[in-house]
Structure formats: C-alpha cells, structure tokens
Amino acid sequence: MKYECNACGKKFETEKPAPRCPKCLRRTSVKEAPPAPVEAEAKAKAKAKNDPPAISAEPTPEEKRSERLLAVLIFPAALAAFMRAGFFKITLATPAALVLAGLGAIAWAMLAFPDLRRRARAGISAVVATSGIVLAIAYYLEGRSTVFNIEVLVPMILGMLPGLFVYRLLKPLTSTKS
C-alpha cells in the first residue's frame, strides 16, 4: 500500500500492518496516500458496480410531499363516511359519498405525484381504497349515536385493504424496465 508521512512529507510503499516512515521513523504521522486519479475512478466504478444502492433513512422530497398531502386523501373519505352514516345534519346517499371520496382520492394523486404513471397507479388504487373505507365506516357506524375515534380505525384499515391489493397489482404500470 502507498503511504505518506505527515511530518516529513515522504511518500513510500510497504505491506506492513503498522507502517513506519523510512526517513523520520515516525509511526503516528503516517497516513494512506491518496490514490492516483485514474486509480480512484476505477475503484469508484468497481464499487458502484458491486454495491447495491444505499438505502437512505431520510425520505425524499417527493415522499415528504406525498405524506403531507395524505390529508387530501383521508379527509374527504372520512367526511363522506360520517355524512353517509348520518353524523352530521346533512346525510349523503351511498353513491354521493363514494363520489366525494373518489374525488378526494383523485385530487390527492394529482397533487402528490409528478409523473403520469405513478398518478394513474395511485389514483386508481386510492379510489378503490377510499370507496372501501367509506363503505366500511358507514356500515360500521350505521345505527350508532356515539363513537370513539379508535373504533373507526378498524373498519378504516379493513376498507383500505382492497386499495392496497390494487396498488400491488398495478406495480408493473410504474416499472421503469424496458
């Protein structure tokens, strides 16, 4: 390996595990010499070829934007379900509640995703998910006068499952392989 002494600036090569500078005989000031530019490029290419892409814990700006916009998806679905169940002064018929939830899902997909393929996949699966959520919550709440917030979570999750299934089925739509 190639080394360079910080104290005297001497460059040298050795295979010893604890290198010592041949000029000043110091061990603590020795560091690896920077590789030559051609060598560095070759190493970087080999590393990029062999290493899988690093998974970042930090969400991308697109993921952050999508998470913030989830309210656009959830609010119309929950509102429509509660209106369908008669919790407000306005009572919606089932088709009207489904249309309201579907419009919220489409608006969310249009705002959350920049490219058409991902919009289509998210939009279709979100419409299915919000429809399932509306129906599950509405039928769960039917005939009830009081409800705890946590009670609504179970039918919401169950109603969302068909949308997740459709999302997985449409994965080939957004694949970038040619």
C-alpha atoms as a PDB file:
ATOM      1  CA  MET A   1       0.000   0.000   0.000  1.00  0.00           C
ATOM      2  CA  LYS A   2       1.070   3.575  -0.554  1.00  0.00           C
ATOM      3  CA  TYR A   3       1.592   5.840   2.449  1.00  0.00           C
ATOM      4  CA  GLU A   4       2.613   9.416   3.100  1.00  0.00           C
ATOM      5  CA  CYS A   5       4.233  10.835   6.226  1.00  0.00           C
ATOM      6  CA  ASN A   6       2.523  13.934   7.624  1.00  0.00           C
ATOM      7  CA  ALA A   7       5.686  15.074   9.434  1.00  0.00           C
ATOM      8  CA  CYS A   8       8.264  14.981   6.636  1.00  0.00           C
ATOM      9  CA  GLY A   9       6.111  14.519   3.503  1.00  0.00           C
ATOM     10  CA  LYS A  10       7.927  11.372   2.345  1.00  0.00           C
ATOM     11  CA  LYS A  11       5.880   9.012   0.168  1.00  0.00           C
ATOM     12  CA  PHE A  12       6.617   5.298   0.400  1.00  0.00           C
ATOM     13  CA  GLU A  13       5.157   1.828  -0.135  1.00  0.00           C
ATOM     14  CA  THR A  14       5.012  -1.044   2.327  1.00  0.00           C
ATOM     15  CA  GLU A  15       2.920  -4.107   3.117  1.00  0.00           C
ATOM     16  CA  LYS A  16       3.465  -3.919   6.886  1.00  0.00           C
ATOM     17  CA  PRO A  17       0.314  -3.524   9.021  1.00  0.00           C
ATOM     18  CA  ALA A  18       1.809  -0.653  11.113  1.00  0.00           C
ATOM     19  CA  PRO A  19       3.891   1.380   8.657  1.00  0.00           C
ATOM     20  CA  ARG A  20       6.840   3.494   9.792  1.00  0.00           C
ATOM     21  CA  CYS A  21       8.252   6.379   7.749  1.00  0.00           C
ATOM     22  CA  PRO A  22      11.719   5.348   6.423  1.00  0.00           C
ATOM     23  CA  LYS A  23      13.012   8.945   6.618  1.00  0.00           C
ATOM     24  CA  CYS A  24      11.890  10.160  10.075  1.00  0.00           C
ATOM     25  CA  LEU A  25      10.943   6.742  11.565  1.00  0.00           C
ATOM     26  CA  ARG A  26       7.591   8.014  12.895  1.00  0.00           C
ATOM     27  CA  ARG A  27       4.567   5.779  13.071  1.00  0.00           C
ATOM     28  CA  THR A  28       1.863   8.165  14.306  1.00  0.00           C
ATOM     29  CA  SER A  29       2.107  10.679  11.491  1.00  0.00           C
ATOM     30  CA  VAL A  30       1.771   8.156   8.653  1.00  0.00           C
ATOM     31  CA  LYS A  31      -1.432   8.124   6.593  1.00  0.00           C
ATOM     32  CA  GLU A  32      -2.526   6.398   3.418  1.00  0.00           C
ATOM     33  CA  ALA A  33      -1.573   8.343   0.338  1.00  0.00           C
ATOM     34  CA  PRO A  34      -4.466   9.491  -1.806  1.00  0.00           C
ATOM     35  CA  PRO A  35      -4.877   7.228  -4.838  1.00  0.00           C
ATOM     36  CA  ALA A  36      -3.958   8.461  -8.274  1.00  0.00           C
ATOM     37  CA  PRO A  37      -6.900   9.969 -10.218  1.00  0.00           C
ATOM     38  CA  VAL A  38      -7.160   7.018 -12.643  1.00  0.00           C
ATOM     39  CA  GLU A  39      -6.973   4.570  -9.752  1.00  0.00           C
ATOM     40  CA  ALA A  40      -9.696   6.435  -7.844  1.00  0.00           C
ATOM     41  CA  GLU A  41     -12.038   6.389 -10.839  1.00  0.00           C
ATOM     42  CA  ALA A  42     -11.502   2.660 -11.368  1.00  0.00           C
ATOM     43  CA  LYS A  43     -12.200   1.946  -7.693  1.00  0.00           C
ATOM     44  CA  ALA A  44     -15.353   4.095  -7.754  1.00  0.00           C
ATOM     45  CA  LYS A  45     -16.655   2.283 -10.853  1.00  0.00           C
ATOM     46  CA  ALA A  46     -15.928  -1.131  -9.316  1.00  0.00           C
ATOM     47  CA  LYS A  47     -17.625  -0.130  -6.075  1.00  0.00           C
ATOM     48  CA  ALA A  48     -20.677   1.241  -7.917  1.00  0.00           C
ATOM     49  CA  LYS A  49     -20.917  -1.957  -9.918  1.00  0.00           C
ATOM     50  CA  ASN A  50     -20.708  -4.300  -6.916  1.00  0.00           C
ATOM     51  CA  ASP A  51     -22.527  -2.341  -4.218  1.00  0.00           C
ATOM     52  CA  PRO A  52     -26.293  -2.138  -4.164  1.00  0.00           C
ATOM     53  CA  PRO A  53     -27.635   1.414  -3.985  1.00  0.00           C
ATOM     54  CA  ALA A  54     -27.593   2.798  -0.474  1.00  0.00           C
ATOM     55  CA  ILE A  55     -30.973   2.957   1.240  1.00  0.00           C
ATOM     56  CA  SER A  56     -31.426   6.288   2.886  1.00  0.00           C
ATOM     57  CA  ALA A  57     -33.437   6.681   6.053  1.00  0.00           C
ATOM     58  CA  GLU A  58     -34.127  10.261   5.018  1.00  0.00           C
ATOM     59  CA  PRO A  59     -37.329  10.478   2.938  1.00  0.00           C
ATOM     60  CA  THR A  60     -37.063  12.121  -0.459  1.00  0.00           C
ATOM     61  CA  PRO A  61     -38.821  15.452  -1.042  1.00  0.00           C
ATOM     62  CA  GLU A  62     -41.434  13.624  -3.110  1.00  0.00           C
ATOM     63  CA  GLU A  63     -42.169  11.226  -0.227  1.00  0.00           C
ATOM     64  CA  LYS A  64     -42.443  14.136   2.219  1.00  0.00           C
ATOM     65  CA  ARG A  65     -44.850  15.924  -0.120  1.00  0.00           C
ATOM     66  CA  SER A  66     -46.937  12.779  -0.543  1.00  0.00           C
ATOM     67  CA  GLU A  67     -47.158  12.299   3.227  1.00  0.00           C
ATOM     68  CA  ARG A  68     -48.270  15.899   3.773  1.00  0.00           C
ATOM     69  CA  LEU A  69     -50.953  15.510   1.146  1.00  0.00           C
ATOM     70  CA  LEU A  70     -52.449  12.401   2.740  1.00  0.00           C
ATOM     71  CA  ALA A  71     -54.967  14.692   4.445  1.00  0.00           C
ATOM     72  CA  VAL A  72     -56.365  15.439   0.970  1.00  0.00           C
ATOM     73  CA  LEU A  73     -56.979  11.703   0.613  1.00  0.00           C
ATOM     74  CA  ILE A  74     -58.223  10.870   4.099  1.00  0.00           C
ATOM     75  CA  PHE A  75     -60.397  13.891   4.899  1.00  0.00           C
ATOM     76  CA  PRO A  76     -62.962  13.505   2.063  1.00  0.00           C
ATOM     77  CA  ALA A  77     -63.222   9.753   2.689  1.00  0.00           C
ATOM     78  CA  ALA A  78     -63.824  10.168   6.415  1.00  0.00           C
ATOM     79  CA  LEU A  79     -66.183  13.108   5.882  1.00  0.00           C
ATOM     80  CA  ALA A  80     -68.193  11.165   3.319  1.00  0.00           C
ATOM     81  CA  ALA A  81     -68.383   8.126   5.613  1.00  0.00           C
ATOM     82  CA  PHE A  82     -69.620  10.168   8.570  1.00  0.00           C
ATOM     83  CA  MET A  83     -72.107  12.027   6.371  1.00  0.00           C
ATOM     84  CA  ARG A  84     -73.330   8.722   4.924  1.00  0.00           C
ATOM     85  CA  ALA A  85     -73.829   7.377   8.445  1.00  0.00           C
ATOM     86  CA  GLY A  86     -75.852  10.456   9.428  1.00  0.00           C
ATOM     87  CA  PHE A  87     -73.495  12.003  11.975  1.00  0.00           C
ATOM     88  CA  PHE A  88     -73.985  15.495  10.533  1.00  0.00           C
ATOM     89  CA  LYS A  89     -77.153  17.391   9.660  1.00  0.00           C
ATOM     90  CA  ILE A  90     -76.531  16.541   6.007  1.00  0.00           C
ATOM     91  CA  THR A  91     -76.995  12.892   5.139  1.00  0.00           C
ATOM     92  CA  LEU A  92     -75.440  11.636   1.914  1.00  0.00           C
ATOM     93  CA  ALA A  93     -76.648   8.719  -0.129  1.00  0.00           C
ATOM     94  CA  THR A  94     -74.080   5.973  -0.689  1.00  0.00           C
ATOM     95  CA  PRO A  95     -73.311   6.920  -4.334  1.00  0.00           C
ATOM     96  CA  ALA A  96     -72.784  10.574  -3.373  1.00  0.00           C
ATOM     97  CA  ALA A  97     -70.443   9.566  -0.539  1.00  0.00           C
ATOM     98  CA  LEU A  98     -68.448   7.358  -2.891  1.00  0.00           C
ATOM     99  CA  VAL A  99     -68.168  10.169  -5.457  1.00  0.00           C
ATOM    100  CA  LEU A 100     -66.948  12.620  -2.787  1.00  0.00           C
ATOM    101  CA  ALA A 101     -64.334  10.148  -1.551  1.00  0.00           C
ATOM    102  CA  GLY A 102     -63.271   9.305  -5.117  1.00  0.00           C
ATOM    103  CA  LEU A 103     -62.797  12.977  -5.997  1.00  0.00           C
ATOM    104  CA  GLY A 104     -60.614  13.392  -2.903  1.00  0.00           C
ATOM    105  CA  ALA A 105     -58.558  10.370  -3.963  1.00  0.00           C
ATOM    106  CA  ILE A 106     -58.067  11.685  -7.483  1.00  0.00           C
ATOM    107  CA  ALA A 107     -57.124  15.142  -6.164  1.00  0.00           C
ATOM    108  CA  TRP A 108     -54.570  13.538  -3.853  1.00  0.00           C
ATOM    109  CA  ALA A 109     -53.000  11.532  -6.684  1.00  0.00           C
ATOM    110  CA  MET A 110     -52.815  14.606  -8.934  1.00  0.00           C
ATOM    111  CA  LEU A 111     -51.132  16.678  -6.225  1.00  0.00           C
ATOM    112  CA  ALA A 112     -48.856  14.030  -4.755  1.00  0.00           C
ATOM    113  CA  PHE A 113     -47.204  12.512  -7.831  1.00  0.00           C
ATOM    114  CA  PRO A 114     -45.484  14.356 -10.677  1.00  0.00           C
ATOM    115  CA  ASP A 115     -45.475  11.694 -13.403  1.00  0.00           C
ATOM    116  CA  LEU A 116     -48.497  10.216 -15.147  1.00  0.00           C
ATOM    117  CA  ARG A 117     -47.711   6.559 -14.476  1.00  0.00           C
ATOM    118  CA  ARG A 118     -47.482   6.978 -10.718  1.00  0.00           C
ATOM    119  CA  ARG A 119     -50.543   9.253 -10.724  1.00  0.00           C
ATOM    120  CA  ALA A 120     -52.563   6.598 -12.512  1.00  0.00           C
ATOM    121  CA  ARG A 121     -51.430   3.823 -10.162  1.00  0.00           C
ATOM    122  CA  ALA A 122     -52.006   5.918  -7.038  1.00  0.00           C
ATOM    123  CA  GLY A 123     -55.292   7.355  -8.313  1.00  0.00           C
ATOM    124  CA  ILE A 124     -56.880   4.043  -9.221  1.00  0.00           C
ATOM    125  CA  SER A 125     -55.813   2.333  -6.016  1.00  0.00           C
ATOM    126  CA  ALA A 126     -56.802   5.373  -3.906  1.00  0.00           C
ATOM    127  CA  VAL A 127     -60.294   5.417  -5.411  1.00  0.00           C
ATOM    128  CA  VAL A 128     -60.684   1.732  -4.559  1.00  0.00           C
ATOM    129  CA  ALA A 129     -59.266   2.278  -1.057  1.00  0.00           C
ATOM    130  CA  THR A 130     -61.420   5.307  -0.266  1.00  0.00           C
ATOM    131  CA  SER A 131     -64.514   3.552  -1.555  1.00  0.00           C
ATOM    132  CA  GLY A 132     -63.766   0.618   0.726  1.00  0.00           C
ATOM    133  CA  ILE A 133     -63.099   2.963   3.628  1.00  0.00           C
ATOM    134  CA  VAL A 134     -66.354   4.865   3.091  1.00  0.00           C
ATOM    135  CA  LEU A 135     -68.442   1.708   2.879  1.00  0.00           C
ATOM    136  CA  ALA A 136     -66.743   0.010   5.826  1.00  0.00           C
ATOM    137  CA  ILE A 137     -67.010   3.037   8.127  1.00  0.00           C
ATOM    138  CA  ALA A 138     -70.535   3.931   7.019  1.00  0.00           C
ATOM    139  CA  TYR A 139     -71.897   0.457   7.633  1.00  0.00           C
ATOM    140  CA  TYR A 140     -69.988   0.180  10.903  1.00  0.00           C
ATOM    141  CA  LEU A 141     -71.396   3.491  12.148  1.00  0.00           C
ATOM    142  CA  GLU A 142     -74.932   2.899  10.937  1.00  0.00           C
ATOM    143  CA  GLY A 143     -77.373   2.991  13.838  1.00  0.00           C
ATOM    144  CA  ARG A 144     -74.810   4.239  16.358  1.00  0.00           C
ATOM    145  CA  SER A 145     -75.173   7.538  18.192  1.00  0.00           C
ATOM    146  CA  THR A 146     -71.719   7.787  19.808  1.00  0.00           C
ATOM    147  CA  VAL A 147     -68.394   6.505  18.599  1.00  0.00           C
ATOM    148  CA  PHE A 148     -64.865   6.609  19.982  1.00  0.00           C
ATOM    149  CA  ASN A 149     -62.200   7.671  17.480  1.00  0.00           C
ATOM    150  CA  ILE A 150     -60.263   4.445  17.907  1.00  0.00           C
ATOM    151  CA  GLU A 151     -63.331   2.405  16.921  1.00  0.00           C
ATOM    152  CA  VAL A 152     -63.288   3.883  13.433  1.00  0.00           C
ATOM    153  CA  LEU A 153     -59.707   2.721  12.861  1.00  0.00           C
ATOM    154  CA  VAL A 154     -60.584  -0.971  12.467  1.00  0.00           C
ATOM    155  CA  PRO A 155     -63.137  -0.555   9.646  1.00  0.00           C
ATOM    156  CA  MET A 156     -60.860   2.057   8.054  1.00  0.00           C
ATOM    157  CA  ILE A 157     -57.982  -0.431   7.877  1.00  0.00           C
ATOM    158  CA  LEU A 158     -60.248  -3.220   6.643  1.00  0.00           C
ATOM    159  CA  GLY A 159     -61.755  -0.949   3.996  1.00  0.00           C
ATOM    160  CA  MET A 160     -58.301   0.105   2.809  1.00  0.00           C
ATOM    161  CA  LEU A 161     -57.088  -3.456   2.097  1.00  0.00           C
ATOM    162  CA  PRO A 162     -58.659  -3.737  -1.403  1.00  0.00           C
ATOM    163  CA  GLY A 163     -56.900  -0.495  -2.376  1.00  0.00           C
ATOM    164  CA  LEU A 164     -53.549  -1.869  -1.235  1.00  0.00           C
ATOM    165  CA  PHE A 165     -54.204  -5.032  -3.231  1.00  0.00           C
ATOM    166  CA  VAL A 166     -54.950  -2.985  -6.362  1.00  0.00           C
ATOM    167  CA  TYR A 167     -51.819  -0.878  -5.721  1.00  0.00           C
ATOM    168  CA  ARG A 168     -49.699  -4.037  -5.701  1.00  0.00           C
ATOM    169  CA  LEU A 169     -51.430  -5.361  -8.848  1.00  0.00           C
ATOM    170  CA  LEU A 170     -50.651  -2.136 -10.717  1.00  0.00           C
ATOM    171  CA  LYS A 171     -46.946  -2.190  -9.861  1.00  0.00           C
ATOM    172  CA  PRO A 172     -45.937  -3.213 -13.418  1.00  0.00           C
ATOM    173  CA  LEU A 173     -47.568   0.014 -14.631  1.00  0.00           C
ATOM    174  CA  THR A 174     -44.864   2.090 -12.938  1.00  0.00           C
ATOM    175  CA  SER A 175     -41.864  -0.177 -13.516  1.00  0.00           C
ATOM    176  CA  THR A 176     -39.035   1.501 -15.414  1.00  0.00           C
ATOM    177  CA  LYS A 177     -37.631  -1.675 -17.011  1.00  0.00           C
ATOM    178  CA  SER A 178     -37.822  -1.661 -20.783  1.00  0.00           C
END
